[in-house]
Amino acid sequence: MNSAVLKKTMYWFVAPALAMYLIFWIYPIFKLFQYSFSDYNGFVQSFNYIGFDNFAYIFKDGVAGTSLSNTLVYTFVFVVFSNLIALGLAFLLNMKIRATGLYRTAAYVPTLFSAIVVGFIWSYVYMPDSGLIATLLSWFGMDGASLNLLGSYNSALYAISAVDVWKHIGTSTVIFLAGLQTVPVDLEEAGRMDGASSWQVTRFIRLPLLATSVTINVTLSLINGLKAFDYSFIMTNGGPGRATSTLLFEIFRMAFREMQYGKASALAVVSFVVIIAITIFFVLKLNKREVSA
């Protein structure tokens, strides 16, 4: 088979995947941008182009500002705590202790549950008066009945982000653990022979060699945080007020509850740009750090 025929054959193999990509990815994005400049309501196929009115509305009404602020706070909490806790767990699970396999399995178990199951379980954990946290506080003589984490404007967002951290720690731990197991033992032994303490071995040998794992985990957790929706919908329904209303939740609310597809599309465009920009910025920074490490 000559090279020209081989090249044509390769194109035919790629064609189905390319068609699926164009139909289910590129075309919807094109329609999203189109609807964002229109008064489309999701039912009537005829619509009018209204320029930047939808964008002006979501910024003037405060929808974009509030949901973006909530999303950034949620993402910050999720990225920082999920990676720090997972890194600590990875170091512990990398130690030579009895029943290591059991502990590693236990750390990964929360990841196996669906978001809706996790959301309902933690709703009962957070429940005032009869929830697990309230009961534990009552045992220690504190007023657990007055603790309403999901009902408080100041704590609801942090409460649902903590649930997301708990669910995804297992995945991040596995990635960090895999990175730790690739660290050459010879380097650690050489460091100890030169008088380095355990902290110095970790600081100057293990952590720099975990740069790739850090990049992967931070990127994944960053994307997961920026597209947060599940627990805002399941546990608080965006409330109290708009305290837990993230970008994706607001898009859902405007599109499927208020039937304002044009405004929802405008907010989706804003979300698309923000998520892409933040992700690219951090990936470039992390890759640069990875090369220098």
Protein backbone atom coordinates (compact mmCIF):
# COMPACT_ATOMS: atom_id res chain seq x y z
CA MET A 1 0.00 0.00 0.00
CA ASN A 2 1.55 3.30 -1.09
CA SER A 3 1.72 6.36 1.17
CA ALA A 4 -1.13 8.24 -0.58
CA VAL A 5 -3.59 5.36 -0.11
CA LEU A 6 -2.42 4.87 3.46
CA LYS A 7 -2.98 8.56 4.21
CA LYS A 8 -6.52 8.43 2.79
CA THR A 9 -7.24 5.32 4.84
CA MET A 10 -6.05 7.09 8.00
CA TYR A 11 -8.39 9.99 7.28
CA TRP A 12 -11.34 7.60 7.07
CA PHE A 13 -10.46 6.15 10.46
CA VAL A 14 -10.30 9.64 11.96
CA ALA A 15 -13.52 10.82 10.27
CA PRO A 16 -16.05 9.27 12.75
CA ALA A 17 -14.31 10.73 15.79
CA LEU A 18 -13.95 14.09 14.05
CA ALA A 19 -17.64 14.09 13.11
CA MET A 20 -18.64 13.35 16.70
CA TYR A 21 -16.37 16.13 17.92
CA LEU A 22 -17.85 18.65 15.49
CA ILE A 23 -21.46 17.65 16.24
CA PHE A 24 -21.30 17.35 20.02
CA TRP A 25 -18.63 19.95 20.86
CA ILE A 26 -17.95 22.58 18.20
CA TYR A 27 -21.54 22.99 16.99
CA PRO A 28 -23.01 23.45 20.52
CA ILE A 29 -20.36 26.07 21.30
CA PHE A 30 -21.24 27.91 18.11
CA LYS A 31 -24.96 27.81 19.02
CA LEU A 32 -24.16 28.94 22.56
CA PHE A 33 -22.46 32.09 21.29
CA GLN A 34 -25.30 32.64 18.82
CA TYR A 35 -28.03 32.38 21.49
CA SER A 36 -26.10 34.64 23.87
CA PHE A 37 -26.79 37.56 21.53
CA SER A 38 -30.49 36.75 21.14
CA ASP A 39 -33.79 36.64 23.03
CA TYR A 40 -34.16 32.90 22.45
CA ASN A 41 -36.47 31.31 25.06
CA GLY A 42 -35.86 27.62 24.34
CA PHE A 43 -39.26 26.94 22.78
CA VAL A 44 -39.84 29.17 19.75
CA GLN A 45 -37.28 28.57 17.04
CA SER A 46 -37.57 32.13 15.74
CA PHE A 47 -35.64 34.68 17.80
CA ASN A 48 -34.25 38.18 17.50
CA TYR A 49 -30.68 39.33 17.88
CA ILE A 50 -30.41 41.90 20.67
CA GLY A 51 -26.67 42.55 20.73
CA PHE A 52 -25.03 42.72 24.15
CA ASP A 53 -28.28 43.19 26.11
CA ASN A 54 -28.02 39.77 27.75
CA PHE A 55 -24.46 40.45 28.92
CA ALA A 56 -25.48 43.88 30.20
CA TYR A 57 -28.34 42.27 32.15
CA ILE A 58 -26.32 39.57 33.90
CA PHE A 59 -23.69 42.09 35.02
CA LYS A 60 -26.17 44.82 35.96
CA ASP A 61 -28.39 42.39 37.87
CA GLY A 62 -25.37 41.06 39.77
CA VAL A 63 -25.92 37.49 38.61
CA ALA A 64 -22.50 37.20 36.98
CA GLY A 65 -20.65 38.94 39.81
CA THR A 66 -22.21 36.93 42.63
CA SER A 67 -21.98 33.55 40.93
CA LEU A 68 -18.41 34.22 39.76
CA SER A 69 -17.35 35.28 43.26
CA ASN A 70 -18.95 32.16 44.79
CA THR A 71 -17.29 29.95 42.19
CA LEU A 72 -13.84 31.44 42.79
CA VAL A 73 -14.16 31.04 46.58
CA TYR A 74 -15.43 27.48 46.15
CA THR A 75 -12.56 26.69 43.76
CA PHE A 76 -9.94 28.18 46.08
CA VAL A 77 -11.16 26.12 49.05
CA PHE A 78 -11.43 22.98 46.95
CA VAL A 79 -8.02 23.26 45.26
CA VAL A 80 -6.08 24.18 48.40
CA PHE A 81 -7.59 21.74 50.89
CA SER A 82 -8.11 18.77 48.57
CA ASN A 83 -4.48 18.88 47.48
CA LEU A 84 -2.96 19.58 50.89
CA ILE A 85 -4.94 16.84 52.62
CA ALA A 86 -4.33 14.42 49.75
CA LEU A 87 -0.60 15.14 49.84
CA GLY A 88 -0.49 14.47 53.57
CA LEU A 89 -2.44 11.25 53.15
CA ALA A 90 -0.15 10.16 50.32
CA PHE A 91 2.92 10.59 52.54
CA LEU A 92 1.26 8.60 55.32
CA LEU A 93 0.08 5.82 53.00
CA ASN A 94 3.53 5.62 51.42
CA MET A 95 5.02 4.60 54.77
CA LYS A 96 5.68 0.95 55.52
CA ILE A 97 2.91 0.19 57.98
CA ARG A 98 0.61 -2.76 58.57
CA ALA A 99 -2.63 -3.00 56.57
CA THR A 100 -1.45 -0.34 54.12
CA GLY A 101 -3.74 -1.74 51.42
CA LEU A 102 -6.76 -1.40 53.72
CA TYR A 103 -5.97 2.24 54.49
CA ARG A 104 -5.41 3.04 50.82
CA THR A 105 -8.74 1.48 49.93
CA ALA A 106 -10.50 3.40 52.70
CA ALA A 107 -9.02 6.68 51.45
CA TYR A 108 -10.35 6.02 47.96
CA VAL A 109 -13.85 4.78 48.91
CA PRO A 110 -15.59 8.24 48.97
CA THR A 111 -14.67 8.72 45.31
CA LEU A 112 -16.79 5.70 44.35
CA PHE A 113 -20.07 7.26 45.51
CA SER A 114 -22.15 9.38 43.16
CA ALA A 115 -22.54 13.08 43.90
CA ILE A 116 -26.24 12.73 44.70
CA VAL A 117 -25.57 10.01 47.31
CA VAL A 118 -22.78 12.05 48.89
CA GLY A 119 -24.97 15.18 48.87
CA PHE A 120 -27.85 13.48 50.67
CA ILE A 121 -25.57 11.80 53.22
CA TRP A 122 -23.85 15.08 54.11
CA SER A 123 -27.17 16.92 54.25
CA TYR A 124 -28.03 14.65 57.18
CA VAL A 125 -24.56 15.09 58.66
CA TYR A 126 -25.03 18.88 58.61
CA MET A 127 -28.64 18.75 59.82
CA PRO A 128 -29.25 20.99 62.87
CA ASP A 129 -30.28 19.33 66.13
CA SER A 130 -30.24 15.71 64.90
CA GLY A 131 -27.31 15.66 62.49
CA LEU A 132 -24.01 13.91 63.18
CA ILE A 133 -22.07 17.12 63.80
CA ALA A 134 -24.80 18.55 66.05
CA THR A 135 -24.96 15.29 68.01
CA LEU A 136 -21.19 15.18 68.51
CA LEU A 137 -21.18 18.78 69.72
CA SER A 138 -24.01 17.99 72.14
CA TRP A 139 -21.96 15.13 73.61
CA PHE A 140 -19.26 17.65 74.50
CA GLY A 141 -21.76 20.01 76.13
CA MET A 142 -22.00 22.47 73.22
CA ASP A 143 -25.16 23.74 71.57
CA GLY A 144 -25.27 21.59 68.45
CA ALA A 145 -28.92 22.42 67.75
CA SER A 146 -28.08 26.03 66.84
CA LEU A 147 -25.40 25.03 64.33
CA ASN A 148 -26.94 25.33 60.86
CA LEU A 149 -24.05 25.24 58.44
CA LEU A 150 -26.16 24.89 55.29
CA GLY A 151 -28.69 27.49 56.43
CA SER A 152 -26.18 30.21 57.25
CA TYR A 153 -25.24 32.71 54.54
CA ASN A 154 -21.66 32.87 55.83
CA SER A 155 -20.97 29.14 56.09
CA ALA A 156 -23.07 27.39 53.41
CA LEU A 157 -20.56 27.80 50.59
CA TYR A 158 -17.69 26.48 52.71
CA ALA A 159 -19.84 23.58 53.93
CA ILE A 160 -20.63 22.30 50.44
CA SER A 161 -17.07 22.84 49.24
CA ALA A 162 -15.87 20.72 52.19
CA VAL A 163 -18.13 17.91 50.94
CA ASP A 164 -16.54 18.15 47.50
CA VAL A 165 -13.09 18.04 49.09
CA TRP A 166 -14.03 14.89 51.04
CA LYS A 167 -15.32 13.15 47.93
CA HIS A 168 -12.32 13.88 45.68
CA ILE A 169 -9.45 13.46 48.15
CA GLY A 170 -9.11 9.80 47.15
CA THR A 171 -8.34 10.56 43.51
CA SER A 172 -5.73 13.19 44.37
CA THR A 173 -4.18 10.87 46.96
CA VAL A 174 -3.77 8.08 44.40
CA ILE A 175 -2.01 10.46 41.98
CA PHE A 176 0.33 11.79 44.68
CA LEU A 177 1.00 8.25 45.93
CA ALA A 178 1.89 7.12 42.41
CA GLY A 179 4.30 10.05 42.16
CA LEU A 180 5.93 9.23 45.50
CA GLN A 181 6.52 5.64 44.46
CA THR A 182 8.51 6.81 41.45
CA VAL A 183 10.98 8.72 43.63
CA PRO A 184 14.30 6.84 43.44
CA VAL A 185 15.21 5.24 46.76
CA ASP A 186 18.90 5.86 45.98
CA LEU A 187 18.37 9.63 46.08
CA GLU A 188 16.68 9.44 49.49
CA GLU A 189 19.42 7.23 50.90
CA ALA A 190 22.09 9.53 49.49
CA GLY A 191 20.41 12.49 51.15
CA ARG A 192 20.28 10.73 54.51
CA MET A 193 23.94 9.72 54.20
CA ASP A 194 24.78 13.39 53.67
CA GLY A 195 23.07 14.21 56.97
CA ALA A 196 19.70 15.37 55.69
CA SER A 197 16.77 15.04 58.09
CA SER A 198 13.46 13.45 57.08
CA TRP A 199 11.97 16.92 56.50
CA GLN A 200 14.93 17.94 54.32
CA VAL A 201 14.63 14.75 52.26
CA THR A 202 10.95 15.51 51.76
CA ARG A 203 11.51 19.21 51.04
CA PHE A 204 14.46 18.94 48.66
CA ILE A 205 14.05 15.50 47.07
CA ARG A 206 10.48 14.21 47.23
CA LEU A 207 8.51 17.41 46.68
CA PRO A 208 10.48 18.61 43.62
CA LEU A 209 10.06 15.17 42.04
CA LEU A 210 6.30 15.41 42.66
CA ALA A 211 6.01 18.45 40.37
CA THR A 212 4.22 16.45 37.66
CA SER A 213 1.73 15.02 40.15
CA VAL A 214 1.11 18.50 41.56
CA THR A 215 0.42 19.83 38.05
CA ILE A 216 -2.05 17.04 37.33
CA ASN A 217 -3.88 17.34 40.65
CA VAL A 218 -4.08 21.13 40.68
CA THR A 219 -5.32 21.20 37.08
CA LEU A 220 -7.99 18.56 37.72
CA SER A 221 -9.15 20.15 40.98
CA LEU A 222 -9.14 23.61 39.39
CA ILE A 223 -11.41 22.46 36.57
CA ASN A 224 -13.62 20.56 39.01
CA GLY A 225 -13.98 23.60 41.25
CA LEU A 226 -14.75 26.02 38.42
CA LYS A 227 -17.53 23.79 37.10
CA ALA A 228 -19.06 23.22 40.56
CA PHE A 229 -22.78 22.50 40.38
CA ASP A 230 -23.75 19.22 42.07
CA TYR A 231 -23.75 20.18 45.74
CA SER A 232 -25.21 23.65 45.15
CA PHE A 233 -28.14 21.91 43.48
CA ILE A 234 -28.49 18.88 45.79
CA MET A 235 -27.77 20.34 49.22
CA THR A 236 -28.75 24.03 49.17
CA ASN A 237 -30.50 24.75 45.86
CA GLY A 238 -28.25 27.78 45.50
CA GLY A 239 -29.28 29.22 48.86
CA PRO A 240 -29.60 30.68 51.33
CA GLY A 241 -30.25 33.62 49.04
CA ARG A 242 -27.52 33.30 46.45
CA ALA A 243 -24.83 32.23 48.92
CA THR A 244 -24.03 28.95 47.11
CA SER A 245 -25.10 29.93 43.60
CA THR A 246 -22.16 29.05 41.36
CA LEU A 247 -21.77 29.89 37.68
CA LEU A 248 -23.12 26.56 36.47
CA PHE A 249 -25.99 26.62 38.95
CA GLU A 250 -27.03 30.09 37.75
CA ILE A 251 -26.89 28.91 34.15
CA PHE A 252 -29.14 25.98 35.06
CA ARG A 253 -31.55 28.19 37.00
CA MET A 254 -31.87 30.81 34.26
CA ALA A 255 -32.21 28.26 31.45
CA PHE A 256 -34.44 25.55 32.94
CA ARG A 257 -36.40 27.38 35.63
CA GLU A 258 -36.79 30.88 34.27
CA MET A 259 -36.63 29.81 30.60
CA GLN A 260 -34.27 32.68 29.76
CA TYR A 261 -32.01 30.78 27.40
CA GLY A 262 -30.49 33.91 25.91
CA LYS A 263 -29.34 35.24 29.28
CA ALA A 264 -28.27 31.77 30.37
CA SER A 265 -26.20 31.44 27.19
CA ALA A 266 -24.56 34.80 27.89
CA LEU A 267 -23.61 33.65 31.38
CA ALA A 268 -22.36 30.36 29.90
CA VAL A 269 -20.12 32.31 27.51
CA VAL A 270 -18.73 34.29 30.45
CA SER A 271 -18.16 31.03 32.34
CA PHE A 272 -16.50 29.45 29.31
CA VAL A 273 -14.06 32.34 28.93
CA VAL A 274 -13.29 32.51 32.67
CA ILE A 275 -12.69 28.77 33.03
CA ILE A 276 -10.50 28.57 29.92
CA ALA A 277 -8.46 31.66 30.92
CA ILE A 278 -7.88 30.56 34.54
CA THR A 279 -7.05 26.98 33.55
CA ILE A 280 -4.56 28.03 30.86
CA PHE A 281 -2.90 30.53 33.22
CA PHE A 282 -2.37 27.97 35.99
CA VAL A 283 -1.32 25.18 33.64
CA LEU A 284 1.35 27.41 32.09
CA LYS A 285 2.56 28.47 35.54
CA LEU A 286 2.66 24.89 36.81
CA ASN A 287 4.39 23.61 33.69
CA LYS A 288 7.01 26.34 34.03
CA ARG A 289 7.55 25.39 37.66
CA GLU A 290 7.70 21.72 36.69
CA VAL A 291 10.47 22.38 34.17
CA SER A 292 12.47 24.45 36.67
CA ALA A 293 12.04 21.76 39.32
